[in-house]
Amino acid sequence: MRVANLAGRAVVLVDGGAIDLAEAGGGRFPSDPQALYECWDELRGWVPEGVAVPYEDADFGAPAPAPRQVFAIGVNYRDHAEESRIDVSGRPARPPVFTKFVTCLTGQDATVALPKDGLTDWEAELVVVIGRPARRVTAAAAWDHVAGLTVGQDLSERLTQLAPPQPQQFSLGKSYPGFGPMGPFLVTPDEFADPDDLEIGCDLNGERMQAARTKEMIFSVPELVEALSAITPLLPGDVIFTGTPAGIGGTRTPPRFLAPGDRLESFVEGVGALRTTFVEG
């Protein structure tokens, strides 16, 4: 199933268009895309029937536009650790975790203003949305608590992120307005042959910058759900940015950062592409 936030309403995407969930369900499901996760178990077993209407990709908002919690994972691909000169030899005891503020979230075809005098970097990521309360969930049971997967961009203003006392400003440096694009829509885990092994990457102005597979993550999606839920309850609609592979701008020689007029397209196999355009702030 492919579920989307289409111009602020929860829809299911089918061949030929989008079916409005509130209308097709006769009030069984909310029109609010975020509220939909509170009844995700009921939606899982429902076969949508209704009038499918055409839609424009530009109308897709973030699949989870107002989560109560947004988690982000740092250094979750070994090649990214290597390019960042971070030692992850062996297996870390737990994943590095920070947060992005909800106000940074946006959707498809967003126009993002770059902070003045900043150095803004890109990070293509697989994003997980929780579909059922999770507390002390084992990795073996974790996929049962996932509503679906989408594409994300963990945009990062490096001067703020790494401001002294370093590294204490991760959340601020990654939470400027528009710094959390997600989309274009949510795909349920059953749609993938193997949700733990998906191609991921991004293009900047048509040039490939990142290319990897999610099986290369140090902590897989189930392991992330287990690690996070061992400490804090995960709630329906919560969001997890799962980390980025190698190829970011700040580790290149010379470094390359986003500039006004740039267009970033990130992709995940089986989900699609998420497009963002940057302008002067």
Protein backbone atom coordinates (compact mmCIF):
# COMPACT_ATOMS: atom_id res chain seq x y z
CA MET A 1 0.00 0.00 0.00
CA ARG A 2 1.16 3.53 -0.81
CA VAL A 3 -0.20 6.17 1.53
CA ALA A 4 0.29 9.88 0.95
CA ASN A 5 -0.37 13.32 2.30
CA LEU A 6 -1.98 14.92 -0.74
CA ALA A 7 -2.58 18.64 -0.22
CA GLY A 8 -3.17 17.99 3.47
CA ARG A 9 -5.47 14.97 3.13
CA ALA A 10 -4.70 11.29 3.71
CA VAL A 11 -4.97 9.24 0.52
CA VAL A 12 -4.08 5.82 -0.85
CA LEU A 13 -2.36 5.79 -4.22
CA VAL A 14 -3.63 3.28 -6.79
CA ASP A 15 -3.30 2.85 -10.52
CA GLY A 16 -5.02 5.83 -12.03
CA GLY A 17 -4.90 8.21 -9.11
CA ALA A 18 -5.48 8.78 -5.41
CA ILE A 19 -8.37 7.60 -3.23
CA ASP A 20 -9.34 9.91 -0.38
CA LEU A 21 -9.34 7.76 2.77
CA ALA A 22 -11.90 9.72 4.78
CA GLU A 23 -14.37 9.70 1.90
CA ALA A 24 -13.80 6.09 0.83
CA GLY A 25 -13.96 4.84 4.41
CA GLY A 26 -17.19 6.69 5.21
CA GLY A 27 -15.55 8.39 8.17
CA ARG A 28 -13.75 5.26 9.30
CA PHE A 29 -10.40 6.97 8.74
CA PRO A 30 -9.40 10.58 9.44
CA SER A 31 -8.58 13.02 6.67
CA ASP A 32 -5.58 14.28 8.66
CA PRO A 33 -2.46 12.39 7.45
CA GLN A 34 -0.85 12.45 10.89
CA ALA A 35 -3.96 11.23 12.71
CA LEU A 36 -4.11 8.26 10.33
CA TYR A 37 -1.27 6.52 12.20
CA GLU A 38 -3.43 6.23 15.32
CA CYS A 39 -5.62 3.71 13.45
CA TRP A 40 -2.91 2.14 11.34
CA ASP A 41 -3.74 -1.45 12.37
CA GLU A 42 -7.25 -1.00 11.02
CA LEU A 43 -5.93 0.45 7.78
CA ARG A 44 -3.52 -2.48 7.25
CA GLY A 45 -6.33 -4.92 6.58
CA TRP A 46 -8.54 -2.59 4.57
CA VAL A 47 -8.90 -2.78 0.80
CA PRO A 48 -9.53 0.75 -0.54
CA GLU A 49 -12.48 1.19 -2.85
CA GLY A 50 -13.53 4.53 -4.22
CA VAL A 51 -13.06 7.05 -6.97
CA ALA A 52 -9.39 7.52 -7.88
CA VAL A 53 -8.64 11.08 -8.93
CA PRO A 54 -5.51 12.34 -10.74
CA TYR A 55 -2.89 14.13 -8.69
CA GLU A 56 0.25 16.20 -9.05
CA ASP A 57 3.50 15.14 -7.37
CA ALA A 58 4.03 18.72 -6.21
CA ASP A 59 0.97 18.37 -3.96
CA PHE A 60 2.60 15.69 -1.80
CA GLY A 61 3.31 16.87 1.74
CA ALA A 62 5.39 15.00 4.30
CA PRO A 63 3.79 11.57 4.90
CA ALA A 64 4.04 12.23 8.65
CA PRO A 65 3.79 16.05 8.85
CA ALA A 66 3.46 16.47 12.62
CA PRO A 67 5.02 13.56 14.53
CA ARG A 68 5.45 13.78 18.26
CA GLN A 69 9.04 12.57 18.00
CA VAL A 70 11.64 12.80 15.22
CA PHE A 71 14.76 10.71 15.71
CA ALA A 72 17.88 10.79 13.55
CA ILE A 73 20.79 8.37 13.47
CA GLY A 74 24.38 9.47 12.98
CA VAL A 75 27.25 7.56 11.35
CA ASN A 76 25.16 4.53 10.37
CA TYR A 77 27.13 3.55 7.25
CA ARG A 78 30.77 2.53 7.53
CA ASP A 79 31.76 4.34 4.33
CA HIS A 80 30.30 7.57 5.72
CA ALA A 81 32.21 7.02 8.97
CA GLU A 82 35.40 6.55 6.95
CA GLU A 83 34.91 9.73 4.92
CA SER A 84 34.19 11.59 8.17
CA ARG A 85 37.30 10.08 9.83
CA ILE A 86 35.25 8.50 12.59
CA ASP A 87 36.45 5.18 13.96
CA VAL A 88 33.67 2.58 13.96
CA SER A 89 35.97 -0.44 13.93
CA GLY A 90 34.05 -3.26 15.47
CA ARG A 91 30.41 -2.60 16.24
CA PRO A 92 29.39 0.36 18.42
CA ALA A 93 27.37 -0.58 21.48
CA ARG A 94 24.46 1.59 20.35
CA PRO A 95 23.65 3.92 17.48
CA PRO A 96 24.41 7.66 17.83
CA VAL A 97 21.02 9.38 18.14
CA PHE A 98 19.98 13.02 17.85
CA THR A 99 16.70 14.77 17.05
CA LYS A 100 15.36 17.00 14.32
CA PHE A 101 12.66 19.47 15.31
CA VAL A 102 9.21 18.92 13.83
CA THR A 103 9.11 22.42 12.34
CA CYS A 104 11.84 21.47 9.84
CA LEU A 105 9.68 18.84 8.10
CA THR A 106 8.43 19.41 4.58
CA GLY A 107 7.42 17.39 1.53
CA GLN A 108 7.92 16.93 -2.20
CA ASP A 109 9.20 19.80 -4.38
CA ALA A 110 9.94 22.00 -1.38
CA THR A 111 11.81 25.26 -1.86
CA VAL A 112 14.29 25.65 0.99
CA ALA A 113 16.03 28.90 1.90
CA LEU A 114 19.71 28.41 2.69
CA PRO A 115 20.89 30.08 5.91
CA LYS A 116 22.99 33.18 5.25
CA ASP A 117 26.73 32.68 5.72
CA GLY A 118 26.16 28.97 6.30
CA LEU A 119 27.58 25.76 4.87
CA THR A 120 24.58 23.56 4.12
CA ASP A 121 25.17 19.90 3.29
CA TRP A 122 23.00 17.07 1.95
CA GLU A 123 22.35 13.62 3.42
CA ALA A 124 20.07 11.18 1.59
CA GLU A 125 18.33 8.86 4.05
CA LEU A 126 15.81 6.07 4.37
CA VAL A 127 13.06 7.29 6.69
CA VAL A 128 10.90 5.03 8.88
CA VAL A 129 7.45 5.96 10.17
CA ILE A 130 6.12 4.06 13.19
CA GLY A 131 2.63 2.59 12.90
CA ARG A 132 2.04 1.02 16.30
CA PRO A 133 3.22 1.83 19.85
CA ALA A 134 6.62 0.27 20.49
CA ARG A 135 8.15 -0.20 23.92
CA ARG A 136 11.05 -2.62 24.46
CA VAL A 137 10.38 -4.22 21.07
CA THR A 138 12.86 -6.83 19.88
CA ALA A 139 14.47 -6.56 16.47
CA ALA A 140 12.65 -9.75 15.45
CA ALA A 141 9.29 -8.04 16.03
CA ALA A 142 10.25 -4.56 14.87
CA TRP A 143 8.81 -4.61 11.35
CA ASP A 144 5.35 -5.27 12.84
CA HIS A 145 5.59 -1.80 14.40
CA VAL A 146 6.59 0.03 11.21
CA ALA A 147 3.89 1.72 9.15
CA GLY A 148 6.16 2.22 6.17
CA LEU A 149 9.22 3.68 4.55
CA THR A 150 9.85 6.89 2.66
CA VAL A 151 12.73 9.00 1.34
CA GLY A 152 14.32 11.70 3.47
CA GLN A 153 16.96 14.40 3.26
CA ASP A 154 18.73 15.24 6.50
CA LEU A 155 19.87 18.71 5.48
CA SER A 156 22.63 20.00 7.71
CA GLU A 157 24.09 23.47 8.26
CA ARG A 158 27.58 22.46 9.35
CA LEU A 159 28.71 25.69 11.03
CA THR A 160 25.79 25.58 13.46
CA GLN A 161 25.93 21.80 13.83
CA LEU A 162 29.61 21.80 14.79
CA ALA A 163 29.68 25.04 16.78
CA PRO A 164 31.67 24.84 20.05
CA PRO A 165 31.38 23.24 22.48
CA GLN A 166 31.55 20.57 19.81
CA PRO A 167 29.51 18.57 19.02
CA GLN A 168 26.59 20.02 20.95
CA GLN A 169 24.37 21.64 18.30
CA PHE A 170 23.35 18.73 16.05
CA SER A 171 19.63 19.30 16.43
CA LEU A 172 19.85 23.05 15.77
CA GLY A 173 22.11 22.66 12.75
CA LYS A 174 19.73 20.14 11.22
CA SER A 175 16.42 21.88 11.96
CA TYR A 176 16.29 25.10 9.96
CA PRO A 177 12.94 25.54 8.14
CA GLY A 178 12.67 22.93 5.39
CA PHE A 179 15.69 20.93 6.57
CA GLY A 180 13.65 17.70 6.89
CA PRO A 181 12.13 16.91 3.48
CA MET A 182 10.26 13.57 3.37
CA GLY A 183 8.33 11.84 0.62
CA PRO A 184 7.01 11.62 -1.89
CA PHE A 185 4.77 9.08 -0.07
CA LEU A 186 4.88 6.18 2.39
CA VAL A 187 5.25 2.56 1.21
CA THR A 188 4.26 -0.28 3.56
CA PRO A 189 6.93 -2.93 4.28
CA ASP A 190 5.01 -5.72 2.54
CA GLU A 191 5.53 -3.93 -0.79
CA PHE A 192 9.27 -4.69 -0.74
CA ALA A 193 10.91 -8.00 -1.61
CA ASP A 194 13.43 -7.21 1.16
CA PRO A 195 12.87 -3.96 3.10
CA ASP A 196 16.33 -4.35 4.65
CA ASP A 197 18.13 -4.12 1.30
CA LEU A 198 17.15 -1.12 -0.83
CA GLU A 199 19.16 1.06 -3.18
CA ILE A 200 19.59 4.60 -1.87
CA GLY A 201 21.30 7.71 -3.14
CA CYS A 202 21.01 11.26 -4.43
CA ASP A 203 21.77 13.48 -7.40
CA LEU A 204 22.71 17.15 -7.18
CA ASN A 205 21.86 19.04 -10.36
CA GLY A 206 21.83 15.70 -12.17
CA GLU A 207 25.22 14.54 -10.83
CA ARG A 208 25.29 11.38 -8.69
CA MET A 209 26.57 12.21 -5.22
CA GLN A 210 25.56 9.24 -3.08
CA ALA A 211 24.92 5.60 -3.96
CA ALA A 212 24.60 2.68 -1.55
CA ARG A 213 22.27 -0.02 -0.28
CA THR A 214 20.49 0.04 3.06
CA LYS A 215 21.86 -3.41 3.91
CA GLU A 216 25.15 -1.56 4.46
CA MET A 217 23.75 0.23 7.52
CA ILE A 218 25.61 -0.58 10.73
CA PHE A 219 22.27 -0.71 12.59
CA SER A 220 19.39 -2.03 10.50
CA VAL A 221 15.85 -0.70 10.75
CA PRO A 222 14.80 -3.50 13.17
CA GLU A 223 17.88 -2.87 15.31
CA LEU A 224 17.14 0.85 15.42
CA VAL A 225 13.56 0.22 16.55
CA GLU A 226 14.86 -2.14 19.23
CA ALA A 227 17.52 0.31 20.45
CA LEU A 228 15.21 3.33 20.56
CA SER A 229 12.22 1.56 22.07
CA ALA A 230 14.44 0.11 24.80
CA ILE A 231 14.82 3.64 26.15
CA THR A 232 11.76 5.64 25.10
CA PRO A 233 8.34 4.62 23.79
CA LEU A 234 7.92 5.02 20.04
CA LEU A 235 4.50 6.41 19.18
CA PRO A 236 2.32 6.01 16.07
CA GLY A 237 3.49 8.49 13.47
CA ASP A 238 6.96 8.96 14.96
CA VAL A 239 9.74 9.39 12.41
CA ILE A 240 13.26 7.92 12.25
CA PHE A 241 15.88 9.26 9.83
CA THR A 242 18.17 6.21 9.61
CA GLY A 243 21.50 7.75 8.57
CA THR A 244 23.33 8.57 5.35
CA PRO A 245 25.93 6.76 3.24
CA ALA A 246 29.16 8.26 1.93
CA GLY A 247 29.14 11.13 -0.53
CA ILE A 248 28.19 14.20 1.51
CA GLY A 249 29.56 17.59 0.48
CA GLY A 250 31.58 18.46 3.57
CA THR A 251 34.04 15.57 3.20
CA ARG A 252 34.83 16.18 -0.48
CA THR A 253 38.09 17.71 -1.70
CA PRO A 254 37.44 20.57 -1.99
CA PRO A 255 34.25 20.63 0.11
CA ARG A 256 31.04 21.24 -1.79
CA PHE A 257 27.99 22.76 -0.17
CA LEU A 258 24.52 23.63 -1.42
CA ALA A 259 24.06 26.90 -3.26
CA PRO A 260 21.04 28.93 -4.44
CA GLY A 261 19.61 27.38 -7.58
CA ASP A 262 20.73 23.82 -6.69
CA ARG A 263 18.26 20.98 -7.10
CA LEU A 264 18.65 17.86 -4.97
CA GLU A 265 16.92 14.59 -5.84
CA SER A 266 17.17 11.74 -3.34
CA PHE A 267 15.82 8.27 -3.99
CA VAL A 268 15.09 4.93 -2.36
CA GLU A 269 14.36 1.81 -4.37
CA GLY A 270 10.67 0.94 -4.33
CA VAL A 271 9.64 4.36 -3.02
CA GLY A 272 10.68 6.91 -5.60
CA ALA A 273 12.44 10.26 -5.70
CA LEU A 274 12.23 13.28 -3.41
CA ARG A 275 13.04 16.64 -5.00
CA THR A 276 14.15 19.83 -3.25
CA THR A 277 15.19 23.20 -4.68
CA PHE A 278 17.38 25.71 -2.81
CA VAL A 279 17.19 29.49 -2.83
CA GLU A 280 19.06 32.32 -1.14
CA GLY A 281 17.98 32.86 2.45
